[in-house]
Amino acid sequence: MNLTPKQIVTELDKYIIGQNEAKRAVAIALRNRYRRNQLPDAERDEITPKNIIMKGPTGVGKTEIARRLAKLVGAPFVKVEATKYTEVGYVGRDVESMIRDLVECAVRIVKEERFKKVMEKAGATVDEKLIKLICEARRLDRGETPVEIFEKNVAEGYKKGYYDNETIEIDIVDNPKPMELMPGAGEISIGSIFGDFMPKKKKKRRLSVKEARKLLIEEEADKLIDKDSVNEEAVKRAEQEGIIFIDEIDKIGAKGSQGGGQDVSREGVQRDILPIVEGSTVMTKYGAVKTDYILFIAAGAFHVSKVSDLIPELQGRFPILVELGSLTKDDFVKILTTPQNALTIQYATLLKVDGVDLKFTDEAIEKIAEIAEDMNATSEDIGARRLHTVVEKLLDSVSYDADGTEKEVVIDKRFVCEKLGIEEKTKDLKKYIL
């Protein structure tokens, strides 16, 4: 998708409130990818992405920005947590697994695209097969009807969906589930080792015509697409368009300049991540993948450690640092009202199931936002997640008393003050506690 930085920010504004600096940074990074792709090969190879570190408290939109960005352009995207990795020599996930995960994501995207192209052809083949199966199952009911007329009637009934719920027996390919032989070593399908040399094993299943059609179309479409071409395209997309979001990167930073103990392991993970970010070749089951042009976005709260506590080489590979601020009262008001999946809309939809017509006044939303902001200021700052805590507490009795009786519940400022008065008193007392 060819979007300008301003258009990208406009799209992100639909889902993420505030954090304009971070949105601008990722929008420019994404646009630079498009610009790079327009250059001749010789010049293109010299230009690498400018990786980004997002620094800010939890719940302010770091992950959501990266996820929405990837969704916007249909790019392969994976979110990984730096704390899940162990340095070389320890049992656990190795850092190269993030590249393997990215390629798997790219394969899924390319497969879905190719499936859509062959779906019509696959559907026609499967429909023909299913009509024959229905005819065979009903041949005893034919009576004196000539074969041609009987088959024509079945075909017409099939197209109109008359047989959707009828049970038939079909043969489908039995694909063994992949197993992880060692933690972090990736999954391997034992059945696929000899799959190219031996005929695929099939098993009989009794399904409704509707369910059978779905399975058979997937099987038929799989035959029609060129797997080598899919894998080649997936590797290319992972290399040129892939986005890897490394969360909790602050947790692998040594606190201050102290060494020893657990910090040694942390630094080991940083040194293992370094070649991946710098640019190296990782072997996957789909082929070798170069990581030079993958965009890496790292994020962390950096409450205890600082960005400068990361090893200098790793800092150098993340030249763009953006700070995401804590959410304000105005931000909370927008979060509660603006997005299509706003929290107030979610609760109103949920309670409507039990006949409760839930409505929030503007003053109530202002008060909820004010309480959420104060609670984040006086206790742990957990960003927008604080709203879940506040609204859940506020609607506790409404949710509990809902019994299917039709009624209207209006949440106004007085209701909020009554239900959350304890939190307000606790907040006031905390001012005097050292």
Protein backbone atom coordinates (compact mmCIF):
# COMPACT_ATOMS: atom_id res chain seq x y z
CA MET A 1 0.00 0.00 0.00
CA ASN A 2 1.45 3.36 -1.10
CA LEU A 3 0.68 5.72 1.81
CA THR A 4 2.41 8.99 2.66
CA PRO A 5 3.63 9.51 6.28
CA LYS A 6 0.65 11.84 6.95
CA GLN A 7 -1.81 9.22 5.67
CA ILE A 8 -0.14 6.53 7.82
CA VAL A 9 -0.47 8.72 10.93
CA THR A 10 -4.13 9.42 10.06
CA GLU A 11 -4.79 5.65 9.88
CA LEU A 12 -3.00 5.05 13.20
CA ASP A 13 -5.03 7.87 14.82
CA LYS A 14 -8.18 5.73 14.37
CA TYR A 15 -6.87 3.19 16.89
CA ILE A 16 -4.20 4.88 19.02
CA ILE A 17 -4.81 8.04 21.05
CA GLY A 18 -1.92 10.53 21.36
CA GLN A 19 1.77 9.50 21.00
CA ASN A 20 2.26 11.63 17.86
CA GLU A 21 6.06 11.50 18.01
CA ALA A 22 6.09 7.69 17.93
CA LYS A 23 3.51 7.62 15.12
CA ARG A 24 5.59 10.04 13.05
CA ALA A 25 8.74 7.95 13.56
CA VAL A 26 7.13 4.68 12.42
CA ALA A 27 5.32 6.42 9.54
CA ILE A 28 8.62 7.80 8.22
CA ALA A 29 10.30 4.39 8.65
CA LEU A 30 7.51 2.75 6.66
CA ARG A 31 7.57 5.38 3.91
CA ASN A 32 11.35 5.01 3.62
CA ARG A 33 10.75 1.35 2.79
CA TYR A 34 8.56 2.35 -0.13
CA ARG A 35 11.15 4.93 -1.26
CA ARG A 36 13.91 2.31 -1.06
CA ASN A 37 11.91 -0.14 -3.20
CA GLN A 38 11.70 2.46 -6.00
CA LEU A 39 15.51 2.70 -6.30
CA PRO A 40 17.76 0.68 -8.65
CA ASP A 41 19.11 -2.58 -7.15
CA ALA A 42 22.66 -1.26 -6.64
CA GLU A 43 21.45 1.77 -4.63
CA ARG A 44 18.73 -0.20 -2.82
CA ASP A 45 21.21 -2.68 -1.34
CA GLU A 46 23.15 0.16 0.32
CA ILE A 47 20.15 1.47 2.25
CA THR A 48 19.18 -0.31 5.48
CA PRO A 49 16.18 0.47 7.73
CA LYS A 50 16.62 2.83 10.68
CA ASN A 51 15.47 0.75 13.66
CA ILE A 52 13.43 2.35 16.44
CA ILE A 53 13.39 2.11 20.25
CA MET A 54 10.14 3.15 21.94
CA LYS A 55 10.54 4.18 25.55
CA GLY A 56 7.46 4.62 27.70
CA PRO A 57 5.32 3.15 30.48
CA THR A 58 3.16 0.08 29.93
CA GLY A 59 -0.26 0.51 28.36
CA VAL A 60 0.41 3.68 26.33
CA GLY A 61 0.27 2.04 22.88
CA LYS A 62 3.80 0.85 21.99
CA THR A 63 2.79 -2.63 20.82
CA GLU A 64 -0.43 -1.40 19.24
CA ILE A 65 1.44 1.12 17.07
CA ALA A 66 3.73 -1.59 15.66
CA ARG A 67 0.89 -4.11 15.18
CA ARG A 68 -1.40 -1.62 13.41
CA LEU A 69 1.51 -0.48 11.23
CA ALA A 70 2.15 -4.02 9.97
CA LYS A 71 -1.57 -4.63 9.43
CA LEU A 72 -1.84 -1.43 7.44
CA VAL A 73 0.58 -2.65 4.77
CA GLY A 74 0.03 -6.42 5.11
CA ALA A 75 3.67 -6.93 6.09
CA PRO A 76 4.93 -10.05 7.91
CA PHE A 77 4.96 -9.09 11.61
CA VAL A 78 5.96 -10.87 14.80
CA LYS A 79 6.00 -9.67 18.39
CA VAL A 80 8.62 -11.27 20.60
CA GLU A 81 9.65 -10.71 24.20
CA ALA A 82 13.35 -10.26 24.88
CA THR A 83 12.98 -11.99 28.26
CA LYS A 84 11.98 -15.28 26.57
CA TYR A 85 15.42 -15.73 25.04
CA THR A 86 18.49 -17.30 26.60
CA GLU A 87 22.08 -16.87 25.53
CA VAL A 88 23.88 -19.58 23.58
CA GLY A 89 24.64 -22.65 25.69
CA TYR A 90 21.42 -22.57 27.71
CA VAL A 91 18.24 -24.56 27.06
CA GLY A 92 15.46 -22.30 25.81
CA ARG A 93 14.48 -20.19 22.81
CA ASP A 94 17.41 -18.93 20.78
CA VAL A 95 17.26 -15.49 19.18
CA GLU A 96 17.21 -16.93 15.66
CA SER A 97 13.72 -18.32 16.36
CA MET A 98 12.31 -14.78 15.88
CA ILE A 99 13.42 -14.94 12.22
CA ARG A 100 11.91 -18.42 11.82
CA ASP A 101 8.63 -17.09 13.28
CA LEU A 102 8.72 -14.14 10.86
CA VAL A 103 9.16 -16.43 7.84
CA GLU A 104 6.27 -18.63 9.04
CA CYS A 105 4.12 -15.49 9.20
CA ALA A 106 5.21 -14.53 5.67
CA VAL A 107 4.38 -18.04 4.39
CA ARG A 108 0.85 -17.75 5.87
CA ILE A 109 0.31 -14.35 4.20
CA VAL A 110 1.53 -15.54 0.76
CA LYS A 111 -0.47 -18.80 1.02
CA GLU A 112 -3.67 -16.88 1.80
CA GLU A 113 -3.09 -14.65 -1.24
CA ARG A 114 -2.45 -17.63 -3.54
CA PHE A 115 -5.43 -19.51 -2.07
CA LYS A 116 -7.75 -16.64 -3.00
CA LYS A 117 -6.54 -16.82 -6.61
CA VAL A 118 -7.22 -20.57 -7.01
CA MET A 119 -10.28 -20.74 -4.75
CA GLU A 120 -12.79 -20.53 -7.62
CA LYS A 121 -11.10 -23.34 -9.56
CA ALA A 122 -10.72 -25.47 -6.41
CA GLY A 123 -14.37 -24.82 -5.49
CA ALA A 124 -15.62 -26.04 -8.90
CA THR A 125 -13.59 -29.29 -8.62
CA VAL A 126 -14.81 -29.93 -5.06
CA ASP A 127 -18.46 -29.21 -5.95
CA GLU A 128 -18.28 -31.79 -8.73
CA LYS A 129 -16.78 -34.34 -6.33
CA LEU A 130 -19.38 -33.71 -3.62
CA ILE A 131 -22.32 -33.96 -6.07
CA LYS A 132 -21.03 -37.42 -7.11
CA LEU A 133 -20.75 -38.48 -3.44
CA ILE A 134 -24.29 -37.30 -2.70
CA CYS A 135 -25.58 -39.13 -5.79
CA GLU A 136 -23.83 -42.34 -4.66
CA ALA A 137 -25.28 -42.02 -1.16
CA ARG A 138 -28.79 -41.52 -2.59
CA ARG A 139 -28.71 -43.94 -5.54
CA LEU A 140 -31.08 -46.38 -3.76
CA ASP A 141 -33.65 -43.59 -3.43
CA ARG A 142 -33.63 -42.90 -7.14
CA GLY A 143 -36.52 -45.24 -7.90
CA GLU A 144 -37.52 -45.10 -11.57
CA THR A 145 -35.94 -41.66 -12.19
CA PRO A 146 -33.41 -41.77 -15.08
CA VAL A 147 -29.78 -41.28 -13.98
CA GLU A 148 -29.28 -38.01 -15.91
CA ILE A 149 -32.39 -36.36 -14.44
CA PHE A 150 -31.60 -37.64 -10.93
CA GLU A 151 -28.04 -36.22 -11.06
CA LYS A 152 -29.32 -32.93 -12.47
CA ASN A 153 -31.82 -32.62 -9.59
CA VAL A 154 -29.10 -33.37 -7.01
CA ALA A 155 -26.80 -30.76 -8.61
CA GLU A 156 -29.53 -28.11 -8.47
CA GLY A 157 -30.37 -28.98 -4.86
CA TYR A 158 -26.67 -28.85 -3.94
CA LYS A 159 -26.27 -25.34 -5.40
CA LYS A 160 -29.29 -24.17 -3.39
CA GLY A 161 -27.79 -25.59 -0.18
CA TYR A 162 -30.41 -28.35 0.35
CA TYR A 163 -27.72 -30.90 1.26
CA ASP A 164 -25.51 -28.68 3.50
CA ASN A 165 -26.45 -30.56 6.67
CA GLU A 166 -26.45 -34.04 5.14
CA THR A 167 -23.67 -36.33 6.45
CA ILE A 168 -21.28 -37.95 3.98
CA GLU A 169 -18.05 -39.94 4.25
CA ILE A 170 -14.92 -38.48 2.61
CA ASP A 171 -11.21 -39.36 2.38
CA ILE A 172 -8.91 -36.57 3.52
CA VAL A 173 -5.12 -36.37 3.80
CA ASP A 174 -3.91 -37.21 7.31
CA ASN A 175 -1.28 -34.59 8.15
CA PRO A 176 0.60 -35.49 11.36
CA LYS A 177 0.89 -32.63 13.84
CA PRO A 178 4.38 -31.07 14.03
CA MET A 179 6.37 -31.68 17.22
CA GLU A 180 9.02 -29.59 18.97
CA LEU A 181 11.96 -31.92 19.47
CA MET A 182 13.96 -29.43 21.54
CA PRO A 183 12.89 -26.14 23.16
CA GLY A 184 13.71 -23.29 20.80
CA ALA A 185 14.82 -25.58 17.96
CA GLY A 186 11.62 -25.12 15.96
CA GLU A 187 8.93 -27.63 15.06
CA ILE A 188 9.38 -30.58 12.74
CA SER A 189 6.74 -32.79 11.16
CA ILE A 190 7.88 -36.41 11.29
CA GLY A 191 5.35 -37.31 8.57
CA SER A 192 6.80 -34.72 6.19
CA ILE A 193 10.35 -36.19 6.31
CA PHE A 194 9.37 -39.04 3.96
CA GLY A 195 6.35 -37.22 2.51
CA ASP A 196 7.95 -36.62 -0.89
CA PHE A 197 8.91 -40.29 -1.34
CA MET A 198 5.81 -42.07 -0.06
CA PRO A 199 2.11 -41.62 -0.95
CA LYS A 200 0.23 -39.47 1.54
CA LYS A 201 -1.81 -41.37 4.09
CA LYS A 202 -5.56 -40.73 3.96
CA LYS A 203 -8.25 -41.23 6.57
CA LYS A 204 -12.03 -41.49 6.35
CA ARG A 205 -14.19 -38.92 8.10
CA ARG A 206 -17.94 -38.47 8.39
CA LEU A 207 -18.86 -34.81 8.02
CA SER A 208 -21.71 -32.59 6.93
CA VAL A 209 -21.53 -31.52 3.27
CA LYS A 210 -20.85 -27.93 4.37
CA GLU A 211 -17.86 -28.93 6.58
CA ALA A 212 -16.57 -31.40 3.97
CA ARG A 213 -16.58 -28.68 1.30
CA LYS A 214 -14.42 -26.40 3.45
CA LEU A 215 -11.82 -29.14 4.11
CA LEU A 216 -11.75 -30.40 0.53
CA ILE A 217 -11.35 -26.87 -0.90
CA GLU A 218 -8.31 -26.31 1.35
CA GLU A 219 -6.87 -29.64 0.20
CA GLU A 220 -7.58 -28.94 -3.49
CA ALA A 221 -6.24 -25.37 -3.32
CA ASP A 222 -3.08 -26.70 -1.68
CA LYS A 223 -2.54 -28.95 -4.73
CA LEU A 224 -3.03 -26.05 -7.16
CA ILE A 225 -0.44 -23.69 -5.65
CA ASP A 226 3.28 -24.04 -6.27
CA LYS A 227 4.85 -24.54 -2.83
CA ASP A 228 8.37 -23.67 -3.99
CA SER A 229 7.10 -20.39 -5.41
CA VAL A 230 5.23 -19.66 -2.15
CA ASN A 231 8.33 -20.33 -0.03
CA GLU A 232 10.53 -18.21 -2.30
CA GLU A 233 8.10 -15.28 -2.18
CA ALA A 234 7.68 -15.65 1.61
CA VAL A 235 11.44 -15.52 2.22
CA LYS A 236 11.70 -12.44 -0.02
CA ARG A 237 8.85 -10.68 1.85
CA ALA A 238 10.30 -11.54 5.25
CA GLU A 239 13.65 -10.09 4.18
CA GLN A 240 12.36 -6.94 2.47
CA GLU A 241 9.12 -6.11 4.33
CA GLY A 242 9.33 -7.96 7.67
CA ILE A 243 8.79 -6.10 10.96
CA ILE A 244 9.96 -7.58 14.27
CA PHE A 245 8.73 -5.97 17.48
CA ILE A 246 11.03 -6.79 20.42
CA ASP A 247 9.17 -6.03 23.64
CA GLU A 248 10.60 -5.81 27.18
CA ILE A 249 14.07 -4.95 25.85
CA ASP A 250 14.74 -2.98 29.04
CA LYS A 251 14.60 -6.25 31.02
CA ILE A 252 17.78 -7.53 29.33
CA GLY A 253 19.68 -4.30 30.04
CA ALA A 254 22.18 -4.43 32.91
CA LYS A 255 21.06 -2.16 35.76
CA GLY A 256 23.66 0.58 36.00
CA SER A 257 27.25 -0.56 35.57
CA GLN A 258 27.08 -3.48 37.99
CA GLY A 259 28.17 -6.83 36.55
CA GLY A 260 27.90 -10.44 37.63
CA GLY A 261 25.00 -12.66 38.50
CA GLN A 262 21.95 -12.48 36.29
CA ASP A 263 23.30 -9.43 34.40
CA VAL A 264 25.83 -11.65 32.62
CA SER A 265 22.97 -13.67 31.10
CA ARG A 266 21.18 -10.45 30.15
CA GLU A 267 24.24 -9.15 28.34
CA GLY A 268 24.63 -12.54 26.63
CA VAL A 269 21.11 -12.21 25.16
CA GLN A 270 21.95 -8.69 23.95
CA ARG A 271 25.10 -9.98 22.23
CA ASP A 272 23.07 -12.76 20.59
CA ILE A 273 20.44 -10.29 19.34
CA LEU A 274 23.14 -7.97 17.97
CA PRO A 275 24.10 -9.96 14.82
CA ILE A 276 20.41 -10.49 13.97
CA VAL A 277 19.79 -6.73 14.08
CA GLU A 278 23.12 -5.86 12.42
CA GLY A 279 22.44 -8.18 9.52
CA SER A 280 23.21 -11.87 9.27
CA THR A 281 21.93 -14.97 7.50
CA VAL A 282 19.63 -17.33 9.41
CA MET A 283 18.86 -20.81 8.13
CA THR A 284 15.17 -21.77 8.17
CA LYS A 285 13.27 -24.71 6.71
CA TYR A 286 12.26 -22.43 3.83
CA GLY A 287 15.84 -21.44 3.02
CA ALA A 288 18.42 -18.87 4.10
CA VAL A 289 17.03 -15.53 5.30
CA LYS A 290 19.08 -12.32 5.34
CA THR A 291 18.15 -10.01 8.21
CA ASP A 292 19.84 -6.85 6.83
CA TYR A 293 16.60 -5.17 5.68
CA ILE A 294 14.15 -6.30 8.37
CA LEU A 295 12.76 -3.38 10.40
CA PHE A 296 13.26 -3.89 14.15
CA ILE A 297 11.16 -1.92 16.63
CA ALA A 298 12.20 -2.39 20.26
CA ALA A 299 10.18 -1.22 23.25
CA GLY A 300 10.50 -1.05 27.00
CA ALA A 301 9.37 0.93 30.02
CA PHE A 302 12.98 1.58 31.18
CA HIS A 303 11.84 2.26 34.75
CA VAL A 304 14.79 0.51 36.44
CA SER A 305 17.37 0.42 33.64
CA LYS A 306 18.03 3.12 31.04
CA VAL A 307 18.48 2.92 27.28
CA SER A 308 22.16 3.72 27.89
CA ASP A 309 22.44 0.47 29.94
CA LEU A 310 22.13 -1.56 26.73
CA ILE A 311 25.47 -2.54 25.22
CA PRO A 312 26.78 0.29 22.96
CA GLU A 313 26.77 -1.87 19.81
CA LEU A 314 23.07 -2.64 20.27
CA GLN A 315 22.23 1.02 20.99
CA GLY A 316 23.98 1.93 17.74
CA ARG A 317 21.67 -0.36 15.78
CA PHE A 318 18.60 1.51 17.09
CA PRO A 319 19.37 5.09 16.02
CA ILE A 320 15.83 6.43 16.51
CA LEU A 321 14.65 6.84 20.11
CA VAL A 322 11.08 8.01 20.73
CA GLU A 323 9.60 8.61 24.16
CA LEU A 324 5.94 7.89 24.72
CA GLY A 325 4.37 10.00 27.45
CA SER A 326 1.97 8.98 30.17
CA LEU A 327 -1.68 9.30 29.23
CA THR A 328 -3.53 12.41 30.42
CA LYS A 329 -7.15 12.90 31.44
CA ASP A 330 -8.02 14.15 27.93
CA ASP A 331 -6.40 11.03 26.44
CA PHE A 332 -8.50 8.80 28.71
CA VAL A 333 -11.69 10.64 27.68
CA LYS A 334 -10.85 10.02 24.00
CA ILE A 335 -9.99 6.34 24.67
CA LEU A 336 -13.39 5.89 26.35
CA THR A 337 -15.34 7.52 23.51
CA THR A 338 -13.46 7.69 20.18
CA PRO A 339 -12.36 4.18 19.03
CA GLN A 340 -14.90 1.76 17.52
CA ASN A 341 -13.99 -0.75 20.24
CA ALA A 342 -14.10 1.80 23.10
CA LEU A 343 -14.48 0.33 26.58
CA THR A 344 -17.86 2.02 27.16
CA ILE A 345 -19.22 0.47 23.93
CA GLN A 346 -17.85 -2.96 24.89
CA TYR A 347 -19.62 -2.94 28.28
CA ALA A 348 -22.87 -1.59 26.79
CA THR A 349 -22.84 -4.41 24.19
CA LEU A 350 -22.08 -7.07 26.81
CA LEU A 351 -24.81 -5.97 29.22
CA LYS A 352 -27.39 -5.64 26.42
CA VAL A 353 -27.33 -9.47 26.32
CA ASP A 354 -28.96 -9.42 29.78
CA GLY A 355 -31.42 -6.66 28.84
CA VAL A 356 -29.48 -3.77 30.39
CA ASP A 357 -29.43 -0.56 28.32
CA LEU A 358 -26.22 1.05 29.61
CA LYS A 359 -25.57 4.75 29.01
CA PHE A 360 -22.73 7.00 30.13
CA THR A 361 -23.08 10.77 30.58
CA ASP A 362 -20.23 13.09 29.50
CA GLU A 363 -19.65 14.12 33.15
CA ALA A 364 -19.30 10.45 34.16
CA ILE A 365 -16.71 9.81 31.46
CA GLU A 366 -14.78 12.93 32.57
CA LYS A 367 -14.81 11.68 36.18
CA ILE A 368 -13.69 8.13 35.19
CA ALA A 369 -10.82 9.64 33.19
CA GLU A 370 -9.84 11.87 36.11
CA ILE A 371 -9.78 8.93 38.55
CA ALA A 372 -7.74 6.78 36.13
CA GLU A 373 -5.20 9.59 35.69
CA ASP A 374 -4.89 10.14 39.46
CA MET A 375 -4.51 6.40 40.17
CA ASN A 376 -1.72 6.15 37.59
CA ALA A 377 -0.02 9.17 39.16
CA THR A 378 -0.23 7.94 42.78
CA SER A 379 0.40 4.22 42.18
CA GLU A 380 1.95 2.20 39.35
CA ASP A 381 1.48 3.82 35.92
CA ILE A 382 -0.16 1.12 33.79
CA GLY A 383 -1.49 3.44 31.10
CA ALA A 384 -4.82 2.69 29.41
CA ARG A 385 -5.06 -0.64 31.24
CA ARG A 386 -6.00 1.38 34.33
CA LEU A 387 -9.37 2.12 32.68
CA HIS A 388 -10.19 -1.60 32.74
CA THR A 389 -9.62 -1.63 36.51
CA VAL A 390 -11.72 1.50 37.09
CA VAL A 391 -14.65 0.59 34.79
CA GLU A 392 -14.78 -3.02 36.06
CA LYS A 393 -15.02 -1.76 39.66
CA LEU A 394 -17.60 0.86 38.65
CA LEU A 395 -19.90 -1.63 36.90
CA ASP A 396 -19.42 -4.49 39.37
CA SER A 397 -22.93 -4.22 40.92
CA VAL A 398 -24.61 -3.54 37.54
CA SER A 399 -23.05 -6.68 36.05
CA TYR A 400 -23.91 -8.75 39.15
CA ASP A 401 -27.58 -7.63 39.32
CA ALA A 402 -28.27 -8.08 35.58
CA ASP A 403 -30.73 -10.99 35.30
CA GLY A 404 -32.37 -10.59 31.90
CA THR A 405 -34.93 -7.99 33.03
CA GLU A 406 -35.20 -5.09 30.58
CA LYS A 407 -33.98 -1.88 32.24
CA GLU A 408 -32.00 1.28 31.55
CA VAL A 409 -28.95 2.15 33.66
CA VAL A 410 -27.49 5.64 33.35
CA ILE A 411 -23.95 6.08 34.63
CA ASP A 412 -23.65 9.72 35.72
CA LYS A 413 -21.07 11.62 37.78
CA ARG A 414 -22.91 10.93 41.06
CA PHE A 415 -22.98 7.17 40.35
CA VAL A 416 -19.21 7.23 39.64
CA CYS A 417 -18.45 9.16 42.86
CA GLU A 418 -20.58 6.76 44.95
CA LYS A 419 -19.07 3.60 43.51
CA LEU A 420 -15.46 4.79 43.39
CA GLY A 421 -15.44 6.93 46.52
CA ILE A 422 -13.13 4.49 48.36
CA GLU A 423 -10.54 4.78 45.59
CA GLU A 424 -10.74 8.59 45.86
CA LYS A 425 -10.16 8.51 49.64
CA THR A 426 -7.26 6.05 49.24
CA LYS A 427 -5.74 8.33 46.63
CA ASP A 428 -5.96 11.34 49.00
CA LEU A 429 -4.36 9.38 51.86
CA LYS A 430 -1.45 8.29 49.65
CA LYS A 431 -0.34 11.91 49.38
CA TYR A 432 0.74 11.80 53.02
CA ILE A 433 2.44 8.38 52.99
CA LEU A 434 6.21 8.45 52.47
